[in-house]
Amino acid sequence: MPPTIKELMTEVIKTAFVPEKAAGVDTVVQFKFTGSQASDWFVVIKDQTCECTEGLHASPRMTMTADSDDYIKIATGEMDATMAFMKGKVKVAGDMGVALSMGKYFKFGKES
């Protein structure tokens, strides 16, 4: 059974985080999930740590919006993140460099 958004953002994200790849990173990423598990979460990556909190952050560097079911498919390796972005299933606002780097800091799906 696939994880829920809450499980992804509170449990799976901790095991998917690769601290050595996030050396020198200090950023905040806002996630806005729509659909069946609509919710807002933000991730703070700083000092090679990753903290995820439910809610809205006052000043994220990047905001990612996706349908919750699609994001679960991305996180479990059923859907390619790049293709999802190209097809408009994932929308990014703010610092695109942060979005491009997310794949380095986290290993989800078949790679985890």
N, C-alpha and C. Protein backbone atom coordinates (compact mmCIF):
# COMPACT_ATOMS: atom_id res chain seq x y z
N MET A 1 0.85 -1.19 0.00
CA MET A 1 0.00 0.00 0.00
C MET A 1 0.89 1.24 0.00
N PRO A 2 0.60 2.20 -0.87
CA PRO A 2 1.44 3.40 -0.92
C PRO A 2 1.29 4.24 0.34
N PRO A 3 2.32 5.01 0.65
CA PRO A 3 2.24 5.87 1.84
C PRO A 3 1.26 7.02 1.62
N THR A 4 0.77 7.57 2.71
CA THR A 4 -0.05 8.78 2.62
C THR A 4 0.89 9.98 2.52
N ILE A 5 0.33 11.13 2.21
CA ILE A 5 1.15 12.36 2.18
C ILE A 5 1.75 12.60 3.56
N LYS A 6 0.96 12.41 4.61
CA LYS A 6 1.48 12.63 5.96
C LYS A 6 2.65 11.69 6.24
N GLU A 7 2.52 10.42 5.87
CA GLU A 7 3.63 9.48 6.06
C GLU A 7 4.85 9.88 5.25
N LEU A 8 4.62 10.32 4.02
CA LEU A 8 5.74 10.77 3.19
C LEU A 8 6.48 11.93 3.83
N MET A 9 5.72 12.90 4.32
CA MET A 9 6.31 14.14 4.81
C MET A 9 6.85 14.04 6.24
N THR A 10 6.44 13.02 6.98
CA THR A 10 6.91 12.90 8.37
C THR A 10 7.87 11.74 8.58
N GLU A 11 7.75 10.69 7.78
CA GLU A 11 8.58 9.50 7.99
C GLU A 11 9.51 9.21 6.81
N VAL A 12 8.91 9.03 5.64
CA VAL A 12 9.69 8.63 4.46
C VAL A 12 10.74 9.68 4.11
N ILE A 13 10.41 10.94 4.25
CA ILE A 13 11.35 12.01 3.89
C ILE A 13 12.65 11.92 4.71
N LYS A 14 12.54 11.46 5.95
CA LYS A 14 13.73 11.35 6.80
C LYS A 14 14.69 10.29 6.29
N THR A 15 14.15 9.16 5.81
CA THR A 15 15.03 8.10 5.31
C THR A 15 15.50 8.40 3.89
N ALA A 16 14.75 9.22 3.15
CA ALA A 16 15.13 9.56 1.78
C ALA A 16 16.18 10.68 1.73
N PHE A 17 16.32 11.44 2.81
CA PHE A 17 17.26 12.56 2.85
C PHE A 17 18.70 12.05 2.85
N VAL A 18 19.53 12.69 2.02
CA VAL A 18 20.95 12.33 1.91
C VAL A 18 21.76 13.52 2.42
N PRO A 19 22.09 13.56 3.74
CA PRO A 19 22.72 14.73 4.34
C PRO A 19 24.02 15.15 3.68
N GLU A 20 24.85 14.19 3.28
CA GLU A 20 26.14 14.57 2.69
C GLU A 20 25.99 15.30 1.36
N LYS A 21 24.85 15.14 0.70
CA LYS A 21 24.59 15.85 -0.57
C LYS A 21 24.07 17.26 -0.32
N ALA A 22 23.73 17.58 0.93
CA ALA A 22 23.15 18.88 1.25
C ALA A 22 24.13 19.77 2.03
N ALA A 23 25.41 19.49 1.91
CA ALA A 23 26.42 20.32 2.60
C ALA A 23 26.33 21.76 2.08
N GLY A 24 26.25 22.71 3.01
CA GLY A 24 26.19 24.12 2.64
C GLY A 24 24.83 24.63 2.20
N VAL A 25 23.84 23.77 2.18
CA VAL A 25 22.49 24.15 1.75
C VAL A 25 21.73 24.77 2.92
N ASP A 26 21.04 25.86 2.63
CA ASP A 26 20.18 26.54 3.60
C ASP A 26 18.97 27.04 2.83
N THR A 27 17.90 26.27 2.83
CA THR A 27 16.75 26.62 2.02
C THR A 27 15.45 26.12 2.64
N VAL A 28 14.35 26.68 2.17
CA VAL A 28 13.02 26.26 2.61
C VAL A 28 12.19 25.98 1.36
N VAL A 29 11.57 24.81 1.33
CA VAL A 29 10.72 24.41 0.21
C VAL A 29 9.29 24.22 0.73
N GLN A 30 8.36 24.90 0.09
CA GLN A 30 6.94 24.78 0.43
C GLN A 30 6.30 23.76 -0.51
N PHE A 31 5.53 22.83 0.05
CA PHE A 31 4.77 21.88 -0.76
C PHE A 31 3.30 22.19 -0.58
N LYS A 32 2.59 22.31 -1.70
CA LYS A 32 1.14 22.53 -1.66
C LYS A 32 0.51 21.36 -2.39
N PHE A 33 -0.13 20.49 -1.63
CA PHE A 33 -0.76 19.31 -2.21
C PHE A 33 -2.24 19.57 -2.41
N THR A 34 -2.73 19.20 -3.57
CA THR A 34 -4.15 19.32 -3.90
C THR A 34 -4.74 17.92 -3.98
N GLY A 35 -6.01 17.83 -4.26
CA GLY A 35 -6.63 16.53 -4.47
C GLY A 35 -7.09 15.85 -3.19
N SER A 36 -7.04 14.52 -3.20
CA SER A 36 -7.64 13.74 -2.11
C SER A 36 -6.96 13.93 -0.76
N GLN A 37 -5.67 14.33 -0.75
CA GLN A 37 -4.96 14.55 0.52
C GLN A 37 -4.41 15.98 0.55
N ALA A 38 -5.27 16.92 0.20
CA ALA A 38 -4.86 18.33 0.15
C ALA A 38 -4.29 18.77 1.49
N SER A 39 -3.11 19.37 1.44
CA SER A 39 -2.46 19.86 2.65
C SER A 39 -1.24 20.68 2.26
N ASP A 40 -0.71 21.42 3.21
CA ASP A 40 0.49 22.24 3.01
C ASP A 40 1.57 21.77 3.97
N TRP A 41 2.79 21.65 3.45
CA TRP A 41 3.94 21.23 4.24
C TRP A 41 5.13 22.07 3.81
N PHE A 42 6.08 22.29 4.71
CA PHE A 42 7.33 22.92 4.28
C PHE A 42 8.50 22.16 4.86
N VAL A 43 9.58 22.16 4.10
CA VAL A 43 10.80 21.45 4.46
C VAL A 43 11.92 22.47 4.60
N VAL A 44 12.60 22.43 5.74
CA VAL A 44 13.76 23.29 5.97
C VAL A 44 15.00 22.40 5.87
N ILE A 45 15.88 22.74 4.94
CA ILE A 45 17.15 22.02 4.79
C ILE A 45 18.25 23.00 5.20
N LYS A 46 18.96 22.63 6.28
CA LYS A 46 20.00 23.51 6.81
C LYS A 46 20.97 22.67 7.64
N ASP A 47 22.25 22.98 7.54
CA ASP A 47 23.28 22.29 8.33
C ASP A 47 23.20 20.77 8.16
N GLN A 48 22.94 20.33 6.93
CA GLN A 48 22.85 18.91 6.58
C GLN A 48 21.76 18.17 7.36
N THR A 49 20.71 18.91 7.71
CA THR A 49 19.54 18.31 8.35
C THR A 49 18.30 18.67 7.53
N CYS A 50 17.24 17.93 7.77
CA CYS A 50 15.99 18.14 7.06
C CYS A 50 14.85 18.05 8.07
N GLU A 51 14.09 19.13 8.18
CA GLU A 51 12.94 19.16 9.09
C GLU A 51 11.69 19.47 8.27
N CYS A 52 10.66 18.68 8.45
CA CYS A 52 9.42 18.88 7.71
C CYS A 52 8.29 19.21 8.69
N THR A 53 7.51 20.24 8.36
CA THR A 53 6.45 20.71 9.23
C THR A 53 5.18 20.93 8.42
N GLU A 54 4.05 20.55 8.96
CA GLU A 54 2.78 20.82 8.28
C GLU A 54 2.45 22.29 8.44
N GLY A 55 1.99 22.91 7.36
CA GLY A 55 1.60 24.31 7.39
C GLY A 55 2.28 25.12 6.31
N LEU A 56 2.18 26.43 6.45
CA LEU A 56 2.74 27.37 5.48
C LEU A 56 3.93 28.09 6.09
N HIS A 57 4.98 28.25 5.29
CA HIS A 57 6.16 29.01 5.72
C HIS A 57 6.03 30.43 5.19
N ALA A 58 6.50 31.41 5.95
CA ALA A 58 6.37 32.81 5.57
C ALA A 58 7.19 33.18 4.34
N SER A 59 8.34 32.54 4.14
CA SER A 59 9.19 32.93 3.00
C SER A 59 10.00 31.76 2.42
N PRO A 60 9.29 30.83 1.76
CA PRO A 60 10.03 29.73 1.13
C PRO A 60 10.80 30.21 -0.09
N ARG A 61 11.91 29.55 -0.41
CA ARG A 61 12.67 29.90 -1.62
C ARG A 61 12.02 29.32 -2.86
N MET A 62 11.25 28.23 -2.68
CA MET A 62 10.60 27.58 -3.80
C MET A 62 9.31 26.94 -3.31
N THR A 63 8.27 27.00 -4.13
CA THR A 63 7.00 26.36 -3.81
C THR A 63 6.67 25.35 -4.90
N MET A 64 6.37 24.13 -4.48
CA MET A 64 6.00 23.08 -5.42
C MET A 64 4.54 22.72 -5.17
N THR A 65 3.74 22.71 -6.23
CA THR A 65 2.33 22.37 -6.15
C THR A 65 2.09 21.12 -6.98
N ALA A 66 1.41 20.14 -6.38
CA ALA A 66 1.11 18.90 -7.09
C ALA A 66 -0.11 18.24 -6.49
N ASP A 67 -0.81 17.46 -7.31
CA ASP A 67 -1.88 16.63 -6.81
C ASP A 67 -1.26 15.60 -5.87
N SER A 68 -1.89 15.36 -4.74
CA SER A 68 -1.31 14.45 -3.74
C SER A 68 -1.10 13.05 -4.29
N ASP A 69 -2.02 12.54 -5.08
CA ASP A 69 -1.87 11.20 -5.65
C ASP A 69 -0.68 11.14 -6.62
N ASP A 70 -0.51 12.20 -7.42
CA ASP A 70 0.63 12.25 -8.34
C ASP A 70 1.95 12.31 -7.57
N TYR A 71 1.98 13.09 -6.50
CA TYR A 71 3.23 13.20 -5.73
C TYR A 71 3.59 11.87 -5.07
N ILE A 72 2.61 11.15 -4.61
CA ILE A 72 2.87 9.82 -4.05
C ILE A 72 3.47 8.92 -5.12
N LYS A 73 2.96 8.99 -6.35
CA LYS A 73 3.51 8.19 -7.45
C LYS A 73 4.96 8.59 -7.74
N ILE A 74 5.26 9.88 -7.66
CA ILE A 74 6.64 10.33 -7.86
C ILE A 74 7.53 9.78 -6.76
N ALA A 75 7.07 9.90 -5.52
CA ALA A 75 7.87 9.47 -4.37
C ALA A 75 8.10 7.97 -4.33
N THR A 76 7.18 7.21 -4.90
CA THR A 76 7.32 5.75 -4.89
C THR A 76 7.93 5.22 -6.19
N GLY A 77 8.30 6.12 -7.08
CA GLY A 77 8.96 5.70 -8.32
C GLY A 77 8.04 5.28 -9.43
N GLU A 78 6.73 5.44 -9.25
CA GLU A 78 5.78 5.08 -10.30
C GLU A 78 5.68 6.14 -11.39
N MET A 79 6.07 7.37 -11.07
CA MET A 79 6.00 8.48 -12.02
C MET A 79 7.33 9.22 -11.97
N ASP A 80 7.87 9.55 -13.13
CA ASP A 80 9.12 10.30 -13.20
C ASP A 80 8.86 11.77 -12.89
N ALA A 81 9.64 12.33 -11.98
CA ALA A 81 9.44 13.73 -11.55
C ALA A 81 9.62 14.71 -12.70
N THR A 82 10.61 14.49 -13.55
CA THR A 82 10.85 15.40 -14.67
C THR A 82 9.68 15.37 -15.65
N MET A 83 9.21 14.18 -15.96
CA MET A 83 8.07 14.06 -16.88
C MET A 83 6.82 14.68 -16.26
N ALA A 84 6.62 14.49 -14.96
CA ALA A 84 5.47 15.08 -14.28
C ALA A 84 5.52 16.60 -14.40
N PHE A 85 6.70 17.18 -14.23
CA PHE A 85 6.86 18.63 -14.36
C PHE A 85 6.57 19.06 -15.80
N MET A 86 7.13 18.34 -16.76
CA MET A 86 6.95 18.70 -18.17
C MET A 86 5.49 18.59 -18.60
N LYS A 87 4.75 17.67 -18.00
CA LYS A 87 3.34 17.50 -18.34
C LYS A 87 2.43 18.42 -17.53
N GLY A 88 3.02 19.26 -16.65
CA GLY A 88 2.23 20.20 -15.86
C GLY A 88 1.60 19.60 -14.62
N LYS A 89 1.99 18.37 -14.27
CA LYS A 89 1.43 17.74 -13.06
C LYS A 89 2.09 18.28 -11.80
N VAL A 90 3.28 18.85 -11.94
CA VAL A 90 4.00 19.49 -10.84
C VAL A 90 4.32 20.90 -11.29
N LYS A 91 3.96 21.86 -10.46
CA LYS A 91 4.24 23.26 -10.78
C LYS A 91 5.23 23.80 -9.75
N VAL A 92 6.16 24.62 -10.25
CA VAL A 92 7.19 25.17 -9.38
C VAL A 92 7.15 26.69 -9.49
N ALA A 93 7.21 27.36 -8.34
CA ALA A 93 7.29 28.82 -8.29
C ALA A 93 8.48 29.19 -7.41
N GLY A 94 9.19 30.23 -7.80
CA GLY A 94 10.34 30.66 -7.00
C GLY A 94 11.64 30.20 -7.63
N ASP A 95 12.59 29.85 -6.81
CA ASP A 95 13.96 29.51 -7.23
C ASP A 95 14.00 28.14 -7.91
N MET A 96 14.10 28.14 -9.24
CA MET A 96 14.13 26.89 -9.99
C MET A 96 15.38 26.08 -9.66
N GLY A 97 16.45 26.73 -9.26
CA GLY A 97 17.67 26.02 -8.87
C GLY A 97 17.42 25.09 -7.69
N VAL A 98 16.58 25.51 -6.77
CA VAL A 98 16.24 24.66 -5.63
C VAL A 98 15.48 23.43 -6.13
N ALA A 99 14.55 23.63 -7.04
CA ALA A 99 13.78 22.51 -7.58
C ALA A 99 14.69 21.51 -8.28
N LEU A 100 15.65 22.00 -9.04
CA LEU A 100 16.57 21.11 -9.76
C LEU A 100 17.49 20.35 -8.82
N SER A 101 17.78 20.92 -7.67
CA SER A 101 18.68 20.28 -6.70
C SER A 101 17.99 19.26 -5.80
N MET A 102 16.67 19.28 -5.74
CA MET A 102 15.94 18.38 -4.83
C MET A 102 16.28 16.91 -5.06
N GLY A 103 16.51 16.54 -6.31
CA GLY A 103 16.86 15.16 -6.62
C GLY A 103 18.18 14.71 -6.04
N LYS A 104 19.05 15.67 -5.74
CA LYS A 104 20.33 15.34 -5.11
C LYS A 104 20.16 15.11 -3.61
N TYR A 105 19.30 15.89 -2.98
CA TYR A 105 19.14 15.84 -1.53
C TYR A 105 18.27 14.69 -1.06
N PHE A 106 17.41 14.20 -1.95
CA PHE A 106 16.46 13.14 -1.58
C PHE A 106 16.50 12.01 -2.59
N LYS A 107 16.46 10.78 -2.08
CA LYS A 107 16.39 9.60 -2.94
C LYS A 107 15.11 8.85 -2.60
N PHE A 108 14.10 9.06 -3.45
CA PHE A 108 12.80 8.41 -3.26
C PHE A 108 12.64 7.26 -4.24
N GLY A 109 11.55 6.57 -4.09
CA GLY A 109 11.15 5.57 -5.06
C GLY A 109 12.08 4.40 -5.14
N LYS A 110 12.40 4.01 -6.36
CA LYS A 110 13.19 2.82 -6.60
C LYS A 110 14.63 2.96 -6.12
N GLU A 111 15.09 4.20 -5.92
CA GLU A 111 16.48 4.42 -5.49
C GLU A 111 16.65 4.34 -3.99
N SER A 112 15.56 4.49 -3.23
CA SER A 112 15.69 4.54 -1.77
C SER A 112 15.89 3.16 -1.16
